[in-house]
N, C-alpha and C. Protein backbone atom coordinates (compact mmCIF):
# COMPACT_ATOMS: atom_id res chain seq x y z
N GLY A 1 -16.99 -9.85 17.08
CA GLY A 1 -16.10 -8.98 16.06
C GLY A 1 -14.99 -9.75 15.74
N ARG A 2 -14.48 -9.35 14.66
CA ARG A 2 -13.44 -10.08 13.96
C ARG A 2 -12.17 -9.58 14.52
N THR A 3 -11.06 -10.72 14.48
CA THR A 3 -9.80 -10.35 15.45
C THR A 3 -8.93 -10.35 13.97
N PRO A 4 -8.29 -9.46 13.55
CA PRO A 4 -7.20 -9.55 12.41
C PRO A 4 -6.18 -10.70 12.66
N PRO A 5 -5.64 -11.20 11.85
CA PRO A 5 -4.59 -12.20 11.97
C PRO A 5 -3.43 -11.47 12.20
N PRO A 6 -2.34 -12.35 12.86
CA PRO A 6 -0.92 -11.53 13.03
C PRO A 6 -0.47 -10.85 11.79
N LEU A 7 0.15 -10.07 12.20
CA LEU A 7 0.96 -9.40 11.20
C LEU A 7 2.07 -9.99 10.56
N PRO A 8 2.09 -10.06 9.00
CA PRO A 8 3.18 -10.91 8.45
C PRO A 8 4.76 -10.02 9.11
N SER A 9 5.65 -11.11 8.72
CA SER A 9 7.08 -10.58 9.05
C SER A 9 7.66 -9.83 7.88
N TYR A 10 8.49 -9.06 7.96
CA TYR A 10 8.96 -8.27 6.84
C TYR A 10 10.36 -9.24 6.18
N SER A 11 10.06 -9.21 4.86
CA SER A 11 10.94 -10.02 4.15
C SER A 11 12.55 -10.00 4.48
N HIS A 12 12.86 -8.86 4.74
CA HIS A 12 14.36 -8.67 4.98
C HIS A 12 14.49 -8.25 6.29
N GLY A 13 13.93 -8.87 7.31
CA GLY A 13 14.10 -8.70 8.80
C GLY A 13 13.58 -7.58 9.48
N ALA A 14 14.48 -6.81 9.75
CA ALA A 14 14.10 -5.26 10.50
C ALA A 14 13.46 -4.33 9.43
N CYS A 15 12.39 -3.75 9.76
CA CYS A 15 11.87 -2.80 8.59
C CYS A 15 12.71 -1.51 8.60
N PRO A 16 12.61 -1.06 7.50
CA PRO A 16 13.51 0.17 7.25
C PRO A 16 12.60 1.39 7.89
N ALA A 17 13.42 2.42 8.30
CA ALA A 17 12.71 3.53 8.86
C ALA A 17 11.59 4.33 7.92
N LEU A 18 10.54 4.05 8.19
CA LEU A 18 9.45 4.79 6.94
C LEU A 18 9.14 6.17 7.33
N VAL A 19 8.97 7.09 6.31
CA VAL A 19 8.80 8.38 6.55
C VAL A 19 7.62 8.73 5.74
N GLY A 20 6.44 9.12 6.16
CA GLY A 20 5.32 9.65 5.42
C GLY A 20 5.38 10.95 5.32
N GLY A 21 4.60 11.52 4.45
CA GLY A 21 4.44 12.89 4.26
C GLY A 21 2.67 13.27 3.88
N ALA A 22 2.42 14.45 4.13
CA ALA A 22 0.98 14.96 4.18
C ALA A 22 0.68 15.36 2.72
N THR A 23 1.82 15.45 1.69
CA THR A 23 1.50 15.70 0.50
C THR A 23 2.06 14.46 -0.62
N SER A 24 1.59 14.67 -1.75
CA SER A 24 1.96 13.74 -3.04
C SER A 24 3.68 13.66 -3.11
N SER A 25 4.24 14.83 -2.97
CA SER A 25 5.64 15.07 -3.13
C SER A 25 6.48 14.35 -1.75
N THR A 26 5.73 14.80 -0.52
CA THR A 26 6.40 14.38 0.81
C THR A 26 6.19 13.14 1.07
N SER A 27 5.38 12.44 0.26
CA SER A 27 5.12 10.96 0.67
C SER A 27 5.78 9.93 -0.12
N VAL A 28 6.72 10.30 -0.82
CA VAL A 28 7.08 9.27 -1.85
C VAL A 28 8.25 8.53 -0.86
N VAL A 29 8.17 6.88 -1.18
CA VAL A 29 9.00 6.15 -0.48
C VAL A 29 9.64 5.46 -1.54
N THR A 30 11.12 5.42 -1.79
CA THR A 30 11.82 4.64 -2.82
C THR A 30 12.72 3.76 -2.18
N GLY A 31 13.25 2.81 -3.03
CA GLY A 31 14.45 2.20 -2.44
C GLY A 31 13.84 0.79 -1.29
N PHE A 32 12.63 0.72 -1.27
CA PHE A 32 11.90 -0.06 -0.41
C PHE A 32 12.25 -1.81 -0.73
N ALA A 33 13.15 -2.49 -0.07
CA ALA A 33 13.49 -3.90 -0.45
C ALA A 33 12.13 -4.68 -0.18
N SER A 34 11.89 -5.56 -0.96
CA SER A 34 10.68 -6.53 -0.71
C SER A 34 11.01 -7.56 -1.69
N GLY A 35 11.14 -8.81 -0.75
CA GLY A 35 11.68 -10.01 -1.30
C GLY A 35 12.99 -9.83 -2.19
N ASP A 36 12.61 -10.01 -3.77
CA ASP A 36 13.96 -9.87 -4.16
C ASP A 36 13.89 -8.69 -5.54
N GLN A 37 12.98 -7.83 -4.95
CA GLN A 37 12.73 -6.45 -5.69
C GLN A 37 12.92 -5.27 -4.74
N VAL A 38 13.14 -4.21 -5.53
CA VAL A 38 13.12 -2.87 -4.86
C VAL A 38 12.04 -2.00 -5.41
N ARG A 39 10.87 -1.57 -4.42
CA ARG A 39 9.82 -1.18 -4.98
C ARG A 39 9.72 0.39 -4.37
N SER A 40 8.75 1.16 -4.88
CA SER A 40 8.41 2.48 -4.39
C SER A 40 7.01 2.70 -4.12
N PHE A 41 6.43 3.39 -3.39
CA PHE A 41 5.15 3.68 -3.04
C PHE A 41 4.98 5.22 -2.54
N ARG A 42 3.94 5.28 -2.28
CA ARG A 42 3.49 6.84 -1.16
C ARG A 42 3.15 6.27 -0.29
N LEU A 43 3.39 7.01 1.01
CA LEU A 43 2.62 6.58 2.25
C LEU A 43 2.09 8.14 2.90
N LEU A 44 0.89 8.47 2.59
CA LEU A 44 0.25 9.61 2.94
C LEU A 44 -0.17 9.60 4.45
N VAL A 45 0.41 10.56 5.24
CA VAL A 45 0.03 10.57 6.63
C VAL A 45 -0.39 12.03 6.90
N PRO A 46 -1.74 12.14 7.55
CA PRO A 46 -2.02 13.38 8.09
C PRO A 46 -1.25 14.35 8.70
N SER A 47 -1.24 15.64 8.57
CA SER A 47 -0.34 16.48 9.28
C SER A 47 -0.55 16.21 10.70
N SER A 48 -1.88 16.03 11.29
CA SER A 48 -2.24 15.72 12.52
C SER A 48 -1.90 14.40 13.30
N TYR A 49 -1.16 13.96 12.46
CA TYR A 49 -0.77 12.68 13.05
C TYR A 49 0.39 12.79 14.20
N ASP A 50 0.26 12.01 15.32
CA ASP A 50 1.26 12.26 16.34
C ASP A 50 1.63 11.09 17.20
N GLY A 51 0.84 9.85 16.65
CA GLY A 51 1.08 8.73 17.13
C GLY A 51 0.29 8.46 18.49
N THR A 52 -0.43 9.40 18.90
CA THR A 52 -1.25 8.90 20.33
C THR A 52 -2.25 8.17 20.28
N GLN A 53 -2.88 8.11 18.75
CA GLN A 53 -4.09 7.30 18.74
C GLN A 53 -4.01 6.65 17.50
N ALA A 54 -4.75 5.72 17.26
CA ALA A 54 -4.27 4.51 16.24
C ALA A 54 -5.31 5.10 15.18
N TYR A 55 -4.82 5.24 13.90
CA TYR A 55 -5.31 5.44 12.78
C TYR A 55 -5.75 4.41 11.74
N PRO A 56 -6.92 4.62 11.15
CA PRO A 56 -7.18 3.58 9.96
C PRO A 56 -6.13 3.54 9.04
N LEU A 57 -6.07 2.34 8.39
CA LEU A 57 -5.21 2.48 7.37
C LEU A 57 -5.69 1.92 6.08
N MET A 58 -5.50 2.55 4.98
CA MET A 58 -5.94 2.30 3.74
C MET A 58 -4.81 1.95 2.75
N PHE A 59 -5.04 0.89 1.97
CA PHE A 59 -4.24 0.62 0.74
C PHE A 59 -4.95 0.77 -0.53
N ALA A 60 -4.22 1.57 -1.51
CA ALA A 60 -4.97 2.19 -2.65
C ALA A 60 -3.99 1.80 -3.94
N TRP A 61 -4.53 0.97 -4.77
CA TRP A 61 -3.84 0.24 -6.00
C TRP A 61 -4.46 1.25 -7.17
N HIS A 62 -3.43 1.74 -7.85
CA HIS A 62 -3.70 2.82 -8.93
C HIS A 62 -4.23 1.99 -10.17
N TRP A 63 -4.79 2.63 -11.12
CA TRP A 63 -5.34 2.07 -12.28
C TRP A 63 -4.36 1.87 -13.59
N LEU A 64 -4.36 1.40 -14.65
CA LEU A 64 -3.91 1.29 -15.92
C LEU A 64 -3.05 2.37 -16.08
N ASN A 65 -1.67 2.41 -16.58
CA ASN A 65 -0.64 3.24 -16.77
C ASN A 65 -0.73 4.59 -16.11
N ALA A 66 -1.14 4.28 -14.88
CA ALA A 66 -1.02 5.54 -13.60
C ALA A 66 0.17 5.33 -12.78
N GLU A 67 0.12 6.12 -11.74
CA GLU A 67 1.08 5.77 -10.65
C GLU A 67 0.47 6.35 -9.23
N SER A 68 1.09 6.20 -8.27
CA SER A 68 0.42 6.42 -7.06
C SER A 68 0.37 7.76 -6.90
N SER A 69 1.24 8.69 -7.43
CA SER A 69 0.60 10.16 -7.52
C SER A 69 -0.55 10.70 -8.27
N SER A 70 -0.81 9.52 -9.45
CA SER A 70 -2.30 10.08 -10.06
C SER A 70 -3.31 9.89 -9.08
N PHE A 71 -3.37 8.97 -8.31
CA PHE A 71 -4.53 8.38 -7.21
C PHE A 71 -4.44 9.73 -6.18
N VAL A 72 -3.39 10.19 -5.63
CA VAL A 72 -3.46 11.05 -4.90
C VAL A 72 -4.26 12.28 -5.26
N SER A 73 -3.93 12.82 -6.55
CA SER A 73 -4.35 13.99 -7.28
C SER A 73 -5.81 13.84 -7.72
N GLN A 74 -6.04 12.67 -8.57
CA GLN A 74 -7.48 12.51 -8.84
C GLN A 74 -8.32 12.31 -7.76
N GLY A 75 -7.96 11.46 -6.62
CA GLY A 75 -8.71 11.22 -5.30
C GLY A 75 -8.71 12.26 -4.37
N GLU A 76 -7.84 13.64 -4.64
CA GLU A 76 -7.98 14.33 -3.51
C GLU A 76 -7.74 14.14 -2.55
N LEU A 77 -6.53 13.32 -2.33
CA LEU A 77 -6.25 12.54 -1.21
C LEU A 77 -5.43 13.36 -0.10
N GLU A 78 -4.79 14.53 -0.45
CA GLU A 78 -4.18 15.33 0.44
C GLU A 78 -5.13 16.23 1.16
N THR A 79 -6.35 16.16 0.55
CA THR A 79 -7.37 17.20 1.31
C THR A 79 -7.91 16.04 2.32
N THR A 80 -8.59 14.86 1.76
CA THR A 80 -9.11 13.91 2.39
C THR A 80 -8.38 13.33 3.63
N ILE A 81 -7.12 13.38 3.84
CA ILE A 81 -6.64 12.82 4.74
C ILE A 81 -6.65 13.52 5.91
N GLU A 82 -6.74 14.77 5.59
CA GLU A 82 -6.65 15.91 7.14
C GLU A 82 -8.10 15.96 7.42
N GLN A 83 -9.09 16.07 6.51
CA GLN A 83 -10.67 15.99 6.98
C GLN A 83 -11.18 14.77 7.51
N PHE A 84 -10.43 13.58 7.28
CA PHE A 84 -10.97 12.39 7.90
C PHE A 84 -9.56 11.51 8.17
N PRO A 85 -9.01 11.97 9.05
CA PRO A 85 -7.56 11.37 9.41
C PRO A 85 -7.35 9.92 9.46
N PHE A 86 -6.63 9.55 8.29
CA PHE A 86 -6.21 7.92 8.24
C PHE A 86 -5.01 7.96 7.25
N ILE A 87 -4.23 6.83 7.52
CA ILE A 87 -2.82 6.71 6.63
C ILE A 87 -3.12 5.80 5.46
N ILE A 88 -2.69 6.34 4.30
CA ILE A 88 -2.84 5.54 3.05
C ILE A 88 -1.79 5.18 2.40
N VAL A 89 -1.73 4.03 2.00
CA VAL A 89 -0.43 3.29 1.36
C VAL A 89 -0.89 3.08 0.00
N LEU A 90 0.09 3.65 -0.77
CA LEU A 90 -0.41 3.87 -2.49
C LEU A 90 0.66 3.01 -3.04
N PRO A 91 0.84 1.69 -3.33
CA PRO A 91 1.97 1.34 -4.07
C PRO A 91 2.10 1.53 -5.49
N ASP A 92 3.33 1.73 -6.08
CA ASP A 92 3.29 1.80 -7.41
C ASP A 92 3.87 0.45 -7.92
N LYS A 93 3.45 0.43 -9.37
CA LYS A 93 3.61 -0.64 -9.98
C LYS A 93 5.14 -1.07 -10.32
N LEU A 94 5.34 -2.48 -10.54
CA LEU A 94 6.63 -2.69 -10.58
C LEU A 94 7.31 -2.34 -11.80
N THR A 95 8.55 -1.81 -12.14
CA THR A 95 9.09 -1.22 -13.30
C THR A 95 10.44 -1.81 -13.57
N ASP A 96 10.86 -1.99 -14.54
CA ASP A 96 12.32 -2.47 -14.79
C ASP A 96 13.13 -1.33 -14.87
N ASP A 97 14.55 -1.64 -15.22
CA ASP A 97 15.55 -0.66 -15.00
C ASP A 97 15.29 0.51 -15.96
N ASN A 98 14.38 0.64 -16.89
CA ASN A 98 14.31 1.48 -17.93
C ASN A 98 12.94 2.46 -17.43
N GLY A 99 12.44 1.69 -16.29
CA GLY A 99 11.20 2.63 -15.98
C GLY A 99 9.83 2.27 -16.61
N ASN A 100 10.06 1.00 -17.45
CA ASN A 100 8.94 0.60 -18.05
C ASN A 100 8.21 -0.26 -17.07
N LYS A 101 6.80 -0.81 -17.30
CA LYS A 101 6.18 -1.24 -16.39
C LYS A 101 6.71 -2.90 -16.62
N GLU A 102 6.42 -3.85 -15.67
CA GLU A 102 6.52 -4.87 -15.80
C GLU A 102 5.62 -5.98 -16.09
N TYR A 103 4.40 -5.74 -15.98
CA TYR A 103 3.04 -6.34 -16.09
C TYR A 103 2.24 -5.56 -17.00
N GLN A 104 1.60 -6.24 -18.12
CA GLN A 104 0.75 -5.86 -18.91
C GLN A 104 -0.18 -4.71 -18.62
N PHE A 105 -0.98 -5.27 -17.46
CA PHE A 105 -1.82 -4.15 -17.08
C PHE A 105 -1.41 -3.77 -15.56
N ASP A 106 -0.25 -3.31 -15.01
CA ASP A 106 0.47 -2.74 -14.29
C ASP A 106 0.30 -3.52 -13.09
N TRP A 107 -0.51 -4.60 -12.63
CA TRP A 107 -0.66 -5.55 -11.49
C TRP A 107 -0.71 -6.80 -12.18
N PRO A 108 -0.13 -8.01 -11.46
CA PRO A 108 -0.12 -9.24 -11.82
C PRO A 108 -1.33 -9.96 -11.76
N PHE A 109 -2.61 -9.61 -12.18
CA PHE A 109 -3.76 -10.31 -12.16
C PHE A 109 -3.79 -11.33 -13.38
N VAL A 110 -3.07 -10.83 -14.47
CA VAL A 110 -3.02 -11.85 -15.72
C VAL A 110 -1.94 -12.77 -15.75
N GLU A 111 -0.52 -11.80 -15.56
CA GLU A 111 0.84 -12.64 -15.32
C GLU A 111 1.01 -13.17 -14.10
N SER A 112 0.48 -14.60 -13.97
CA SER A 112 0.51 -15.17 -12.67
C SER A 112 1.86 -14.98 -11.92
N TRP A 113 2.93 -15.15 -12.64
CA TRP A 113 4.47 -15.16 -12.30
C TRP A 113 4.80 -14.07 -11.44
N GLY A 114 3.90 -13.14 -11.25
CA GLY A 114 4.40 -11.96 -10.55
C GLY A 114 3.46 -11.93 -9.30
N ALA A 115 2.28 -12.77 -9.18
CA ALA A 115 1.75 -12.61 -8.02
C ALA A 115 2.41 -12.52 -6.82
N GLU A 116 2.98 -13.95 -6.65
CA GLU A 116 3.65 -14.01 -5.38
C GLU A 116 4.50 -12.84 -4.65
N ALA A 117 5.31 -12.38 -5.61
CA ALA A 117 6.07 -11.12 -5.46
C ALA A 117 5.26 -9.98 -4.73
N GLU A 118 4.32 -9.74 -5.41
CA GLU A 118 3.36 -8.61 -5.20
C GLU A 118 2.75 -8.94 -3.76
N LEU A 119 2.21 -10.09 -3.77
CA LEU A 119 1.79 -10.44 -2.21
C LEU A 119 2.82 -10.22 -1.18
N ILE A 120 3.96 -10.54 -1.71
CA ILE A 120 5.28 -10.19 -0.63
C ILE A 120 5.18 -8.78 -0.54
N PHE A 121 5.32 -7.82 -1.48
CA PHE A 121 4.95 -6.39 -1.13
C PHE A 121 4.10 -6.06 -0.39
N PHE A 122 2.85 -6.51 -0.59
CA PHE A 122 1.92 -6.26 0.35
C PHE A 122 1.89 -6.57 1.87
N ASP A 123 2.59 -7.96 1.97
CA ASP A 123 3.02 -8.17 3.28
C ASP A 123 4.01 -7.43 4.12
N ASP A 124 4.76 -7.00 3.16
CA ASP A 124 6.11 -6.05 3.81
C ASP A 124 5.57 -4.54 4.14
N LEU A 125 4.83 -4.09 3.32
CA LEU A 125 3.93 -2.74 3.64
C LEU A 125 3.31 -2.85 4.62
N LEU A 126 2.20 -3.71 4.92
CA LEU A 126 1.40 -4.06 6.04
C LEU A 126 2.22 -4.12 7.42
N ALA A 127 3.30 -4.88 7.36
CA ALA A 127 4.12 -5.17 8.49
C ALA A 127 5.11 -3.95 9.00
N CYS A 128 5.50 -3.02 7.97
CA CYS A 128 6.65 -2.14 8.41
C CYS A 128 5.66 -0.62 8.64
N VAL A 129 4.48 -0.81 8.07
CA VAL A 129 3.58 0.46 8.09
C VAL A 129 3.00 0.43 9.69
N ASN A 130 2.80 -0.91 10.08
CA ASN A 130 2.16 -0.97 11.31
C ASN A 130 3.40 -0.83 12.18
N GLN A 131 4.46 -1.35 12.12
CA GLN A 131 5.47 -1.27 12.78
C GLN A 131 5.99 0.17 13.26
N ARG A 132 5.89 1.10 12.14
CA ARG A 132 6.12 2.76 12.31
C ARG A 132 5.01 3.41 12.81
N PHE A 133 3.86 3.05 12.43
CA PHE A 133 2.58 3.85 12.92
C PHE A 133 1.56 3.38 13.87
N ASN A 134 1.05 4.04 14.62
CA ASN A 134 -0.09 3.38 15.67
C ASN A 134 -1.31 3.17 14.35
N VAL A 135 -1.58 1.89 13.91
CA VAL A 135 -2.58 1.75 13.07
C VAL A 135 -3.64 1.00 13.97
N ASP A 136 -4.96 1.39 13.58
CA ASP A 136 -5.86 0.63 14.05
C ASP A 136 -6.25 -0.53 13.12
N ARG A 137 -6.03 -1.80 13.75
CA ARG A 137 -5.81 -3.14 12.90
C ARG A 137 -7.14 -3.38 12.46
N ASP A 138 -8.20 -3.01 13.11
CA ASP A 138 -9.78 -3.43 12.79
C ASP A 138 -10.29 -2.39 11.92
N ARG A 139 -9.49 -1.46 11.50
CA ARG A 139 -9.84 -0.54 10.25
C ARG A 139 -8.87 -0.61 9.13
N VAL A 140 -8.39 -1.48 8.66
CA VAL A 140 -7.74 -1.73 7.54
C VAL A 140 -8.35 -1.77 6.18
N TYR A 141 -8.17 -1.11 5.21
CA TYR A 141 -9.30 -0.95 4.01
C TYR A 141 -8.41 -1.19 2.64
N GLY A 142 -8.80 -1.94 1.77
CA GLY A 142 -8.44 -1.72 0.43
C GLY A 142 -9.02 -1.07 -0.75
N ILE A 143 -8.53 -0.58 -1.50
CA ILE A 143 -9.40 0.21 -2.43
C ILE A 143 -8.48 -0.14 -3.65
N GLY A 144 -8.92 -0.02 -5.12
CA GLY A 144 -8.43 -0.29 -6.07
C GLY A 144 -9.25 0.41 -7.19
N VAL A 145 -8.79 0.90 -8.49
CA VAL A 145 -9.65 1.37 -9.44
C VAL A 145 -8.93 0.78 -10.65
N SER A 146 -9.94 0.23 -11.56
CA SER A 146 -9.83 -0.31 -12.90
C SER A 146 -8.62 -1.44 -12.52
N ALA A 147 -7.72 -1.41 -13.21
CA ALA A 147 -6.45 -2.47 -12.95
C ALA A 147 -6.19 -2.73 -11.68
N GLY A 148 -5.88 -1.56 -10.80
CA GLY A 148 -5.90 -1.71 -9.13
C GLY A 148 -6.96 -2.54 -8.60
N ALA A 149 -7.91 -2.53 -9.10
CA ALA A 149 -9.30 -3.35 -8.36
C ALA A 149 -8.97 -4.66 -8.78
N LEU A 150 -8.90 -4.86 -10.08
CA LEU A 150 -8.57 -6.44 -10.32
C LEU A 150 -7.52 -6.92 -9.54
N TRP A 151 -6.43 -6.36 -9.29
CA TRP A 151 -5.23 -6.78 -8.49
C TRP A 151 -5.92 -6.97 -7.27
N LEU A 152 -6.76 -5.90 -6.56
CA LEU A 152 -7.32 -6.29 -5.37
C LEU A 152 -8.25 -7.29 -5.30
N THR A 153 -8.89 -7.56 -6.30
CA THR A 153 -10.00 -8.48 -6.16
C THR A 153 -9.31 -9.93 -6.10
N TYR A 154 -7.85 -9.89 -6.88
CA TYR A 154 -7.25 -11.28 -6.87
C TYR A 154 -6.70 -11.49 -5.21
N LEU A 155 -6.08 -10.23 -4.96
CA LEU A 155 -5.34 -10.42 -3.61
C LEU A 155 -6.55 -10.74 -2.29
N SER A 156 -7.75 -10.46 -2.71
CA SER A 156 -9.07 -11.06 -1.65
C SER A 156 -9.22 -12.24 -1.88
N THR A 157 -8.77 -13.03 -2.81
CA THR A 157 -8.87 -14.34 -2.83
C THR A 157 -8.07 -15.24 -1.99
N THR A 158 -7.10 -14.30 -1.58
CA THR A 158 -5.81 -14.92 -0.68
C THR A 158 -6.03 -14.73 0.68
N ASP A 159 -5.51 -15.49 1.56
CA ASP A 159 -5.50 -15.35 3.06
C ASP A 159 -5.14 -13.75 3.57
N ARG A 160 -4.53 -12.84 2.52
CA ARG A 160 -4.34 -11.49 2.91
C ARG A 160 -5.60 -10.91 3.07
N ALA A 161 -6.81 -11.49 2.58
CA ALA A 161 -8.15 -10.81 2.58
C ALA A 161 -8.32 -10.68 4.34
N ASN A 162 -8.00 -11.33 5.09
CA ASN A 162 -8.10 -11.59 6.38
C ASN A 162 -7.67 -10.04 7.23
N HIS A 163 -6.83 -9.45 6.77
CA HIS A 163 -6.16 -8.20 7.19
C HIS A 163 -7.02 -6.93 6.95
N PHE A 164 -8.13 -7.33 5.97
CA PHE A 164 -8.84 -6.13 5.62
C PHE A 164 -10.19 -6.06 6.39
N ALA A 165 -10.45 -4.97 6.80
CA ALA A 165 -12.18 -4.80 7.34
C ALA A 165 -13.15 -4.83 6.09
N ALA A 166 -12.63 -4.51 5.01
CA ALA A 166 -13.64 -4.10 3.93
C ALA A 166 -12.50 -3.76 2.60
N VAL A 167 -12.99 -4.12 1.53
CA VAL A 167 -12.17 -3.72 0.30
C VAL A 167 -13.37 -3.26 -0.63
C-alpha cells in the first residue's frame, strides 16, 4: 500500500484553532493566514464527528464565478456528509480588497504567478485540518468542477498529488 508523505508545515507556525460546521453557514472560516495572504474557506464536518475515529478528507474546488457555498448547495453536501461521514474543505477563490476575483478563471491554472501561493494555501489547509481533526491520511481526496477541476489537474502535476488517494 501507499504511504502518504509527511504533512506540510503551516506557513505561520502554529495553526489557528479551526472550527468546522455541518452546514454551509456554520462552516465558514475567514481570516485564515496563508503565506502573505488572508483566505477564506468552508470546513464541513458531520454532526456525528467526535474525534474518536479517523474520517476521510475531501478537498473540493468550486467552478468559475462561484464560491464554496455554491458547491455545498449544488452538491447537496450538508446531506452527504451526514449519510457518508467525511470532512470537506472547500477553498474560496482569492479576492482583492473590493471582493473581486484575483484570477481570471478563479484559480491560477492560467496566471502562473499565483500558483505558488495557491499551493501554499493547500499545504496550510492540509496541515491545519489534520492537526485539528482525526483524518484518515490514506483517504484524502480531491475534487474540482470546471475551473476548480483545471486547478486540481495543475495541483496533481506537483508533489502535492502524493497526499491524495484519488482525484
